[in-house]
Amino acid sequence: MQRKLQRTIGKEAMILGVCGGLGKYLEADPTIIRIGAALLTIFSMGGLLLAYFIMAIIMPKEA
């Protein structure tokens, strides 16, 4: 089965579903992805925030 990178919807999506989708794609806990993204955003002075919103625009929602 081929994996697709998609934003999650419903309970798994916190803001736009990007971290939940990455968690499913990487077969990792989305909470760990969210914590890592938050820490990287803080330490990169918001650089990851722009990438997050670009990914939210580009990634399709799961069906």
C-alpha atoms as a PDB file:
ATOM      1  CA  MET A   1       0.000   0.000   0.000  1.00  0.00           C
ATOM      2  CA  GLN A   2       1.338   3.390  -0.972  1.00  0.00           C
ATOM      3  CA  ARG A   3       1.480   6.049   1.745  1.00  0.00           C
ATOM      4  CA  LYS A   4       0.271   9.557   0.979  1.00  0.00           C
ATOM      5  CA  LEU A   5       1.181  12.729   2.816  1.00  0.00           C
ATOM      6  CA  GLN A   6      -2.166  14.304   3.708  1.00  0.00           C
ATOM      7  CA  ARG A   7      -3.476  16.662   6.374  1.00  0.00           C
ATOM      8  CA  THR A   8      -5.651  14.988   8.974  1.00  0.00           C
ATOM      9  CA  ILE A   9      -9.164  16.043   9.802  1.00  0.00           C
ATOM     10  CA  GLY A  10     -11.340  15.515  12.868  1.00  0.00           C
ATOM     11  CA  LYS A  11      -9.929  14.567  16.267  1.00  0.00           C
ATOM     12  CA  GLU A  12      -6.353  14.142  15.054  1.00  0.00           C
ATOM     13  CA  ALA A  13      -6.093  17.700  13.714  1.00  0.00           C
ATOM     14  CA  MET A  14      -5.165  20.355  16.259  1.00  0.00           C
ATOM     15  CA  ILE A  15      -4.826  23.486  14.115  1.00  0.00           C
ATOM     16  CA  LEU A  16      -4.652  22.637  10.415  1.00  0.00           C
ATOM     17  CA  GLY A  17      -3.787  18.931  10.569  1.00  0.00           C
ATOM     18  CA  VAL A  18      -0.233  19.183   9.240  1.00  0.00           C
ATOM     19  CA  CYS A  19       1.506  17.566  12.237  1.00  0.00           C
ATOM     20  CA  GLY A  20      -1.149  14.847  12.422  1.00  0.00           C
ATOM     21  CA  GLY A  21      -0.608  14.081   8.754  1.00  0.00           C
ATOM     22  CA  LEU A  22       3.157  13.986   9.201  1.00  0.00           C
ATOM     23  CA  GLY A  23       2.708  11.657  12.160  1.00  0.00           C
ATOM     24  CA  LYS A  24       0.613   9.252  10.117  1.00  0.00           C
ATOM     25  CA  TYR A  25       3.022   9.402   7.192  1.00  0.00           C
ATOM     26  CA  LEU A  26       6.093   8.794   9.358  1.00  0.00           C
ATOM     27  CA  GLU A  27       4.218   6.262  11.530  1.00  0.00           C
ATOM     28  CA  ALA A  28       5.045   8.306  14.631  1.00  0.00           C
ATOM     29  CA  ASP A  29       2.996   9.803  17.418  1.00  0.00           C
ATOM     30  CA  PRO A  30       1.596  13.167  16.224  1.00  0.00           C
ATOM     31  CA  THR A  31       2.133  14.594  19.722  1.00  0.00           C
ATOM     32  CA  ILE A  32       5.889  14.089  19.374  1.00  0.00           C
ATOM     33  CA  ILE A  33       5.774  15.800  15.967  1.00  0.00           C
ATOM     34  CA  ARG A  34       3.820  18.726  17.479  1.00  0.00           C
ATOM     35  CA  ILE A  35       6.270  19.129  20.384  1.00  0.00           C
ATOM     36  CA  GLY A  36       9.227  19.024  18.003  1.00  0.00           C
ATOM     37  CA  ALA A  37       7.584  21.576  15.707  1.00  0.00           C
ATOM     38  CA  ALA A  38       6.848  23.890  18.633  1.00  0.00           C
ATOM     39  CA  LEU A  39      10.425  23.679  19.907  1.00  0.00           C
ATOM     40  CA  LEU A  40      11.862  24.254  16.439  1.00  0.00           C
ATOM     41  CA  THR A  41       9.571  27.242  15.944  1.00  0.00           C
ATOM     42  CA  ILE A  42      10.704  28.778  19.220  1.00  0.00           C
ATOM     43  CA  PHE A  43      14.409  28.206  18.594  1.00  0.00           C
ATOM     44  CA  SER A  44      14.339  29.191  14.907  1.00  0.00           C
ATOM     45  CA  MET A  45      12.505  32.418  15.762  1.00  0.00           C
ATOM     46  CA  GLY A  46       9.393  31.520  13.778  1.00  0.00           C
ATOM     47  CA  GLY A  47      11.027  30.158  10.634  1.00  0.00           C
ATOM     48  CA  LEU A  48       9.139  26.890  10.881  1.00  0.00           C
ATOM     49  CA  LEU A  49       5.839  28.739  11.214  1.00  0.00           C
ATOM     50  CA  LEU A  50       6.039  29.895   7.596  1.00  0.00           C
ATOM     51  CA  ALA A  51       6.841  26.352   6.450  1.00  0.00           C
ATOM     52  CA  TYR A  52       3.864  25.037   8.460  1.00  0.00           C
ATOM     53  CA  PHE A  53       1.404  27.351   6.714  1.00  0.00           C
ATOM     54  CA  ILE A  54       2.890  26.603   3.287  1.00  0.00           C
ATOM     55  CA  MET A  55       2.483  22.875   3.992  1.00  0.00           C
ATOM     56  CA  ALA A  56      -1.115  23.506   5.102  1.00  0.00           C
ATOM     57  CA  ILE A  57      -1.818  25.104   1.726  1.00  0.00           C
ATOM     58  CA  ILE A  58      -0.014  22.482  -0.372  1.00  0.00           C
ATOM     59  CA  MET A  59      -1.004  19.256   1.453  1.00  0.00           C
ATOM     60  CA  PRO A  60      -4.422  17.853   0.531  1.00  0.00           C
ATOM     61  CA  LYS A  61      -6.926  16.864   3.212  1.00  0.00           C
ATOM     62  CA  GLU A  62      -7.439  13.149   3.790  1.00  0.00           C
ATOM     63  CA  ALA A  63     -10.610  11.728   2.351  1.00  0.00           C
END
